[in-house]
Amino acid sequence: MNQPGQVYHNSFNQASHDILLNYEQEGGQYVLFQFDKDLSKARCINEKRGDALAAFFISKDRMCILDKSHDVYVSSFDGSNTKKWPIIKKNLTKVNNIYPGPLGKILVHSDNECLFMYDLSARKVLHEVAITDVRRVHWSSTFNHCVVITKTSIYVLNKSLGIINS
């Protein structure tokens, strides 16, 4: 059963179709495919593979990666510009997982069982909410609301991570 656990389409890029598949096998892997804007050609213009616990798009030409040692990296699609990106937060010892957020931002699930929005440019925590056992995060197309799926509950949050419904 070699099926991806998560599939992401790069909504930030209007010049091509970028697809990112995350697999949980062998400790985590991702595969990035880039296709021409004109899908009638059905030509893959780039394919990249890598080891990671999580990977997703953060802009039209960059992605955020959580490697197997729980370090966060920001990388260009071709890997030519990859930088370790420290997550700065008081009392943070381990990043459990990362999830997509609005442009230039990510959601981080930490070892102290909180979910927080982190601005990669400003390198600071914007919003925080106490949620345990986060499994998946799905955003609306406008990034105004998200659904957080945990082991036992489902939460609807606004973009400042205020709980609307649980």
C-alpha atoms as a PDB file:
ATOM      1  CA  MET A   1       0.000   0.000   0.000  1.00  0.00           C
ATOM      2  CA  ASN A   2       2.350   2.698  -1.230  1.00  0.00           C
ATOM      3  CA  GLN A   3      -0.200   5.531  -1.228  1.00  0.00           C
ATOM      4  CA  PRO A   4       0.606   9.108  -0.178  1.00  0.00           C
ATOM      5  CA  GLY A   5      -0.633  10.255   3.223  1.00  0.00           C
ATOM      6  CA  GLN A   6      -0.919  13.871   2.049  1.00  0.00           C
ATOM      7  CA  VAL A   7      -1.207  15.448  -1.390  1.00  0.00           C
ATOM      8  CA  TYR A   8      -0.605  19.181  -1.905  1.00  0.00           C
ATOM      9  CA  HIS A   9      -1.172  21.392  -4.941  1.00  0.00           C
ATOM     10  CA  ASN A  10       0.769  24.662  -5.029  1.00  0.00           C
ATOM     11  CA  SER A  11      -1.973  27.300  -5.116  1.00  0.00           C
ATOM     12  CA  PHE A  12       0.680  30.050  -4.816  1.00  0.00           C
ATOM     13  CA  ASN A  13       2.133  29.306  -8.288  1.00  0.00           C
ATOM     14  CA  GLN A  14       0.077  30.314 -11.330  1.00  0.00           C
ATOM     15  CA  ALA A  15       2.849  29.520 -13.869  1.00  0.00           C
ATOM     16  CA  SER A  16       2.822  25.721 -13.515  1.00  0.00           C
ATOM     17  CA  HIS A  17       1.129  22.869 -11.699  1.00  0.00           C
ATOM     18  CA  ASP A  18       3.178  21.709  -8.710  1.00  0.00           C
ATOM     19  CA  ILE A  19       2.129  18.559  -6.850  1.00  0.00           C
ATOM     20  CA  LEU A  20       3.740  17.331  -3.629  1.00  0.00           C
ATOM     21  CA  LEU A  21       3.114  13.820  -2.296  1.00  0.00           C
ATOM     22  CA  ASN A  22       4.033  12.864   1.290  1.00  0.00           C
ATOM     23  CA  TYR A  23       4.582   9.194   2.125  1.00  0.00           C
ATOM     24  CA  GLU A  24       4.877   7.690   5.588  1.00  0.00           C
ATOM     25  CA  GLN A  25       6.786   4.582   4.463  1.00  0.00           C
ATOM     26  CA  GLU A  26      10.417   4.155   5.506  1.00  0.00           C
ATOM     27  CA  GLY A  27      10.263   6.989   8.038  1.00  0.00           C
ATOM     28  CA  GLY A  28       8.805   9.543   5.638  1.00  0.00           C
ATOM     29  CA  GLN A  29       9.464  10.666   2.086  1.00  0.00           C
ATOM     30  CA  TYR A  30       8.182  13.256  -0.363  1.00  0.00           C
ATOM     31  CA  VAL A  31       7.971  13.453  -4.130  1.00  0.00           C
ATOM     32  CA  LEU A  32       7.595  16.777  -5.959  1.00  0.00           C
ATOM     33  CA  PHE A  33       6.232  16.911  -9.517  1.00  0.00           C
ATOM     34  CA  GLN A  34       6.094  20.047 -11.663  1.00  0.00           C
ATOM     35  CA  PHE A  35       3.944  20.073 -14.795  1.00  0.00           C
ATOM     36  CA  ASP A  36       3.516  22.615 -17.584  1.00  0.00           C
ATOM     37  CA  LYS A  37       0.655  25.053 -17.116  1.00  0.00           C
ATOM     38  CA  ASP A  38      -0.860  23.627 -20.295  1.00  0.00           C
ATOM     39  CA  LEU A  39      -1.912  20.168 -19.119  1.00  0.00           C
ATOM     40  CA  SER A  40      -2.753  19.072 -22.650  1.00  0.00           C
ATOM     41  CA  LYS A  41       0.987  18.497 -23.099  1.00  0.00           C
ATOM     42  CA  ALA A  42       1.062  16.330 -19.934  1.00  0.00           C
ATOM     43  CA  ARG A  43       4.803  16.841 -19.610  1.00  0.00           C
ATOM     44  CA  CYS A  44       6.558  16.617 -16.245  1.00  0.00           C
ATOM     45  CA  ILE A  45       9.189  19.367 -16.197  1.00  0.00           C
ATOM     46  CA  ASN A  46      10.719  18.468 -12.830  1.00  0.00           C
ATOM     47  CA  GLU A  47      10.667  15.606 -10.337  1.00  0.00           C
ATOM     48  CA  LYS A  48      12.398  15.636  -6.969  1.00  0.00           C
ATOM     49  CA  ARG A  49      12.437  13.101  -4.135  1.00  0.00           C
ATOM     50  CA  GLY A  50      13.618  13.420  -0.569  1.00  0.00           C
ATOM     51  CA  ASP A  51      13.377  12.045   2.946  1.00  0.00           C
ATOM     52  CA  ALA A  52      11.084  13.998   5.268  1.00  0.00           C
ATOM     53  CA  LEU A  53       8.408  13.632   7.924  1.00  0.00           C
ATOM     54  CA  ALA A  54       6.441  16.454   6.245  1.00  0.00           C
ATOM     55  CA  ALA A  55       6.793  18.707   3.206  1.00  0.00           C
ATOM     56  CA  PHE A  56       4.493  21.338   1.681  1.00  0.00           C
ATOM     57  CA  PHE A  57       4.501  24.567  -0.325  1.00  0.00           C
ATOM     58  CA  ILE A  58       5.027  27.934   1.379  1.00  0.00           C
ATOM     59  CA  SER A  59       5.295  30.125  -1.733  1.00  0.00           C
ATOM     60  CA  LYS A  60       5.295  29.826  -5.525  1.00  0.00           C
ATOM     61  CA  ASP A  61       8.862  28.472  -5.603  1.00  0.00           C
ATOM     62  CA  ARG A  62       9.698  27.301  -2.063  1.00  0.00           C
ATOM     63  CA  MET A  63       8.694  24.484   0.217  1.00  0.00           C
ATOM     64  CA  CYS A  64       9.038  23.780   3.910  1.00  0.00           C
ATOM     65  CA  ILE A  65      10.406  20.415   5.039  1.00  0.00           C
ATOM     66  CA  LEU A  66      10.531  18.685   8.426  1.00  0.00           C
ATOM     67  CA  ASP A  67      13.395  16.214   8.251  1.00  0.00           C
ATOM     68  CA  LYS A  68      13.696  12.961  10.190  1.00  0.00           C
ATOM     69  CA  SER A  69      15.640  14.633  13.007  1.00  0.00           C
ATOM     70  CA  HIS A  70      12.710  17.094  13.460  1.00  0.00           C
ATOM     71  CA  ASP A  71      14.601  20.079  12.038  1.00  0.00           C
ATOM     72  CA  VAL A  72      12.759  22.529   9.764  1.00  0.00           C
ATOM     73  CA  TYR A  73      14.226  23.487   6.379  1.00  0.00           C
ATOM     74  CA  VAL A  74      13.115  25.905   3.695  1.00  0.00           C
ATOM     75  CA  SER A  75      14.144  24.871   0.203  1.00  0.00           C
ATOM     76  CA  SER A  76      13.771  25.870  -3.416  1.00  0.00           C
ATOM     77  CA  PHE A  77      12.231  23.189  -5.612  1.00  0.00           C
ATOM     78  CA  ASP A  78      15.535  22.155  -7.148  1.00  0.00           C
ATOM     79  CA  GLY A  79      17.285  22.047  -3.754  1.00  0.00           C
ATOM     80  CA  SER A  80      19.831  24.684  -4.759  1.00  0.00           C
ATOM     81  CA  ASN A  81      18.851  27.003  -1.915  1.00  0.00           C
ATOM     82  CA  THR A  82      18.186  24.927   1.218  1.00  0.00           C
ATOM     83  CA  LYS A  83      18.474  26.504   4.657  1.00  0.00           C
ATOM     84  CA  LYS A  84      17.880  25.120   8.112  1.00  0.00           C
ATOM     85  CA  TRP A  85      15.194  27.301   9.658  1.00  0.00           C
ATOM     86  CA  PRO A  86      15.221  27.400  13.457  1.00  0.00           C
ATOM     87  CA  ILE A  87      11.801  27.718  15.064  1.00  0.00           C
ATOM     88  CA  ILE A  88      12.172  30.246  17.872  1.00  0.00           C
ATOM     89  CA  LYS A  89       9.676  29.805  20.720  1.00  0.00           C
ATOM     90  CA  LYS A  90      10.072  29.855  24.463  1.00  0.00           C
ATOM     91  CA  ASN A  91      10.125  26.344  26.031  1.00  0.00           C
ATOM     92  CA  LEU A  92      10.157  24.604  22.635  1.00  0.00           C
ATOM     93  CA  THR A  93      12.302  21.482  22.733  1.00  0.00           C
ATOM     94  CA  LYS A  94      10.957  19.458  19.790  1.00  0.00           C
ATOM     95  CA  VAL A  95       8.821  20.038  16.721  1.00  0.00           C
ATOM     96  CA  ASN A  96       6.457  17.073  16.365  1.00  0.00           C
ATOM     97  CA  ASN A  97       5.086  18.068  12.965  1.00  0.00           C
ATOM     98  CA  ILE A  98       4.504  21.008  10.642  1.00  0.00           C
ATOM     99  CA  TYR A  99       1.486  21.879   8.510  1.00  0.00           C
ATOM    100  CA  PRO A 100       0.811  24.440   5.783  1.00  0.00           C
ATOM    101  CA  GLY A 101      -0.434  27.921   6.581  1.00  0.00           C
ATOM    102  CA  PRO A 102      -1.058  31.167   4.725  1.00  0.00           C
ATOM    103  CA  LEU A 103       1.688  32.527   2.459  1.00  0.00           C
ATOM    104  CA  GLY A 104       5.041  32.519   4.311  1.00  0.00           C
ATOM    105  CA  LYS A 105       3.596  30.949   7.455  1.00  0.00           C
ATOM    106  CA  ILE A 106       3.433  27.434   8.859  1.00  0.00           C
ATOM    107  CA  LEU A 107       1.581  25.688  11.656  1.00  0.00           C
ATOM    108  CA  VAL A 108       3.839  23.901  14.113  1.00  0.00           C
ATOM    109  CA  HIS A 109       2.716  21.146  16.470  1.00  0.00           C
ATOM    110  CA  SER A 110       5.206  21.073  19.315  1.00  0.00           C
ATOM    111  CA  ASP A 111       6.144  18.601  22.008  1.00  0.00           C
ATOM    112  CA  ASN A 112       4.341  20.656  24.672  1.00  0.00           C
ATOM    113  CA  GLU A 113       1.054  19.860  22.886  1.00  0.00           C
ATOM    114  CA  CYS A 114       0.286  23.214  21.364  1.00  0.00           C
ATOM    115  CA  LEU A 115      -0.312  24.267  17.788  1.00  0.00           C
ATOM    116  CA  PHE A 116       1.076  27.620  16.767  1.00  0.00           C
ATOM    117  CA  MET A 117       1.311  29.720  13.630  1.00  0.00           C
ATOM    118  CA  TYR A 118       4.884  30.709  12.856  1.00  0.00           C
ATOM    119  CA  ASP A 119       5.860  33.523  10.490  1.00  0.00           C
ATOM    120  CA  LEU A 120       8.951  32.333   8.620  1.00  0.00           C
ATOM    121  CA  SER A 121       9.989  35.858   7.532  1.00  0.00           C
ATOM    122  CA  ALA A 122       9.612  37.553  10.908  1.00  0.00           C
ATOM    123  CA  ARG A 123      10.746  34.387  12.733  1.00  0.00           C
ATOM    124  CA  LYS A 124       8.130  34.703  15.433  1.00  0.00           C
ATOM    125  CA  VAL A 125       5.017  33.035  16.776  1.00  0.00           C
ATOM    126  CA  LEU A 126       1.854  34.840  15.664  1.00  0.00           C
ATOM    127  CA  HIS A 127      -0.908  32.780  17.276  1.00  0.00           C
ATOM    128  CA  GLU A 128      -1.125  29.754  19.549  1.00  0.00           C
ATOM    129  CA  VAL A 129      -3.808  27.297  20.652  1.00  0.00           C
ATOM    130  CA  ALA A 130      -3.666  24.288  22.994  1.00  0.00           C
ATOM    131  CA  ILE A 131      -4.568  21.241  20.894  1.00  0.00           C
ATOM    132  CA  THR A 132      -3.167  17.743  21.429  1.00  0.00           C
ATOM    133  CA  ASP A 133      -2.571  14.840  19.035  1.00  0.00           C
ATOM    134  CA  VAL A 134      -2.868  16.830  15.787  1.00  0.00           C
ATOM    135  CA  ARG A 135      -3.110  14.486  12.792  1.00  0.00           C
ATOM    136  CA  ARG A 136      -4.069  16.741   9.845  1.00  0.00           C
ATOM    137  CA  VAL A 137      -4.757  20.387   9.003  1.00  0.00           C
ATOM    138  CA  HIS A 138      -6.879  21.499   6.024  1.00  0.00           C
ATOM    139  CA  TRP A 139      -7.263  25.179   5.036  1.00  0.00           C
ATOM    140  CA  SER A 140     -10.028  26.902   3.109  1.00  0.00           C
ATOM    141  CA  SER A 141      -8.941  28.158  -0.316  1.00  0.00           C
ATOM    142  CA  THR A 142      -8.628  31.721   1.045  1.00  0.00           C
ATOM    143  CA  PHE A 143      -6.693  30.627   4.164  1.00  0.00           C
ATOM    144  CA  ASN A 144      -9.308  32.307   6.407  1.00  0.00           C
ATOM    145  CA  HIS A 145     -10.312  29.102   8.211  1.00  0.00           C
ATOM    146  CA  CYS A 146      -8.803  25.697   8.844  1.00  0.00           C
ATOM    147  CA  VAL A 147      -9.970  22.345  10.103  1.00  0.00           C
ATOM    148  CA  VAL A 148      -7.661  20.614  12.578  1.00  0.00           C
ATOM    149  CA  ILE A 149      -8.180  16.877  12.893  1.00  0.00           C
ATOM    150  CA  THR A 150      -6.841  15.275  16.064  1.00  0.00           C
ATOM    151  CA  LYS A 151      -6.907  11.720  17.317  1.00  0.00           C
ATOM    152  CA  THR A 152     -10.247  12.308  19.068  1.00  0.00           C
ATOM    153  CA  SER A 153     -11.722  15.624  17.819  1.00  0.00           C
ATOM    154  CA  ILE A 154     -12.205  18.001  14.926  1.00  0.00           C
ATOM    155  CA  TYR A 155     -11.727  21.753  15.388  1.00  0.00           C
ATOM    156  CA  VAL A 156     -12.629  24.630  13.079  1.00  0.00           C
ATOM    157  CA  LEU A 157     -10.268  27.568  13.594  1.00  0.00           C
ATOM    158  CA  ASN A 158     -10.048  31.057  12.143  1.00  0.00           C
ATOM    159  CA  LYS A 159      -6.780  32.387  10.716  1.00  0.00           C
ATOM    160  CA  SER A 160      -5.711  33.699  14.144  1.00  0.00           C
ATOM    161  CA  LEU A 161      -6.218  30.137  15.508  1.00  0.00           C
ATOM    162  CA  GLY A 162      -9.306  31.055  17.480  1.00  0.00           C
ATOM    163  CA  ILE A 163     -11.570  28.031  17.909  1.00  0.00           C
ATOM    164  CA  ILE A 164     -14.871  28.576  16.114  1.00  0.00           C
ATOM    165  CA  ASN A 165     -16.284  25.113  16.613  1.00  0.00           C
ATOM    166  CA  SER A 166     -15.139  21.792  18.069  1.00  0.00           C
END
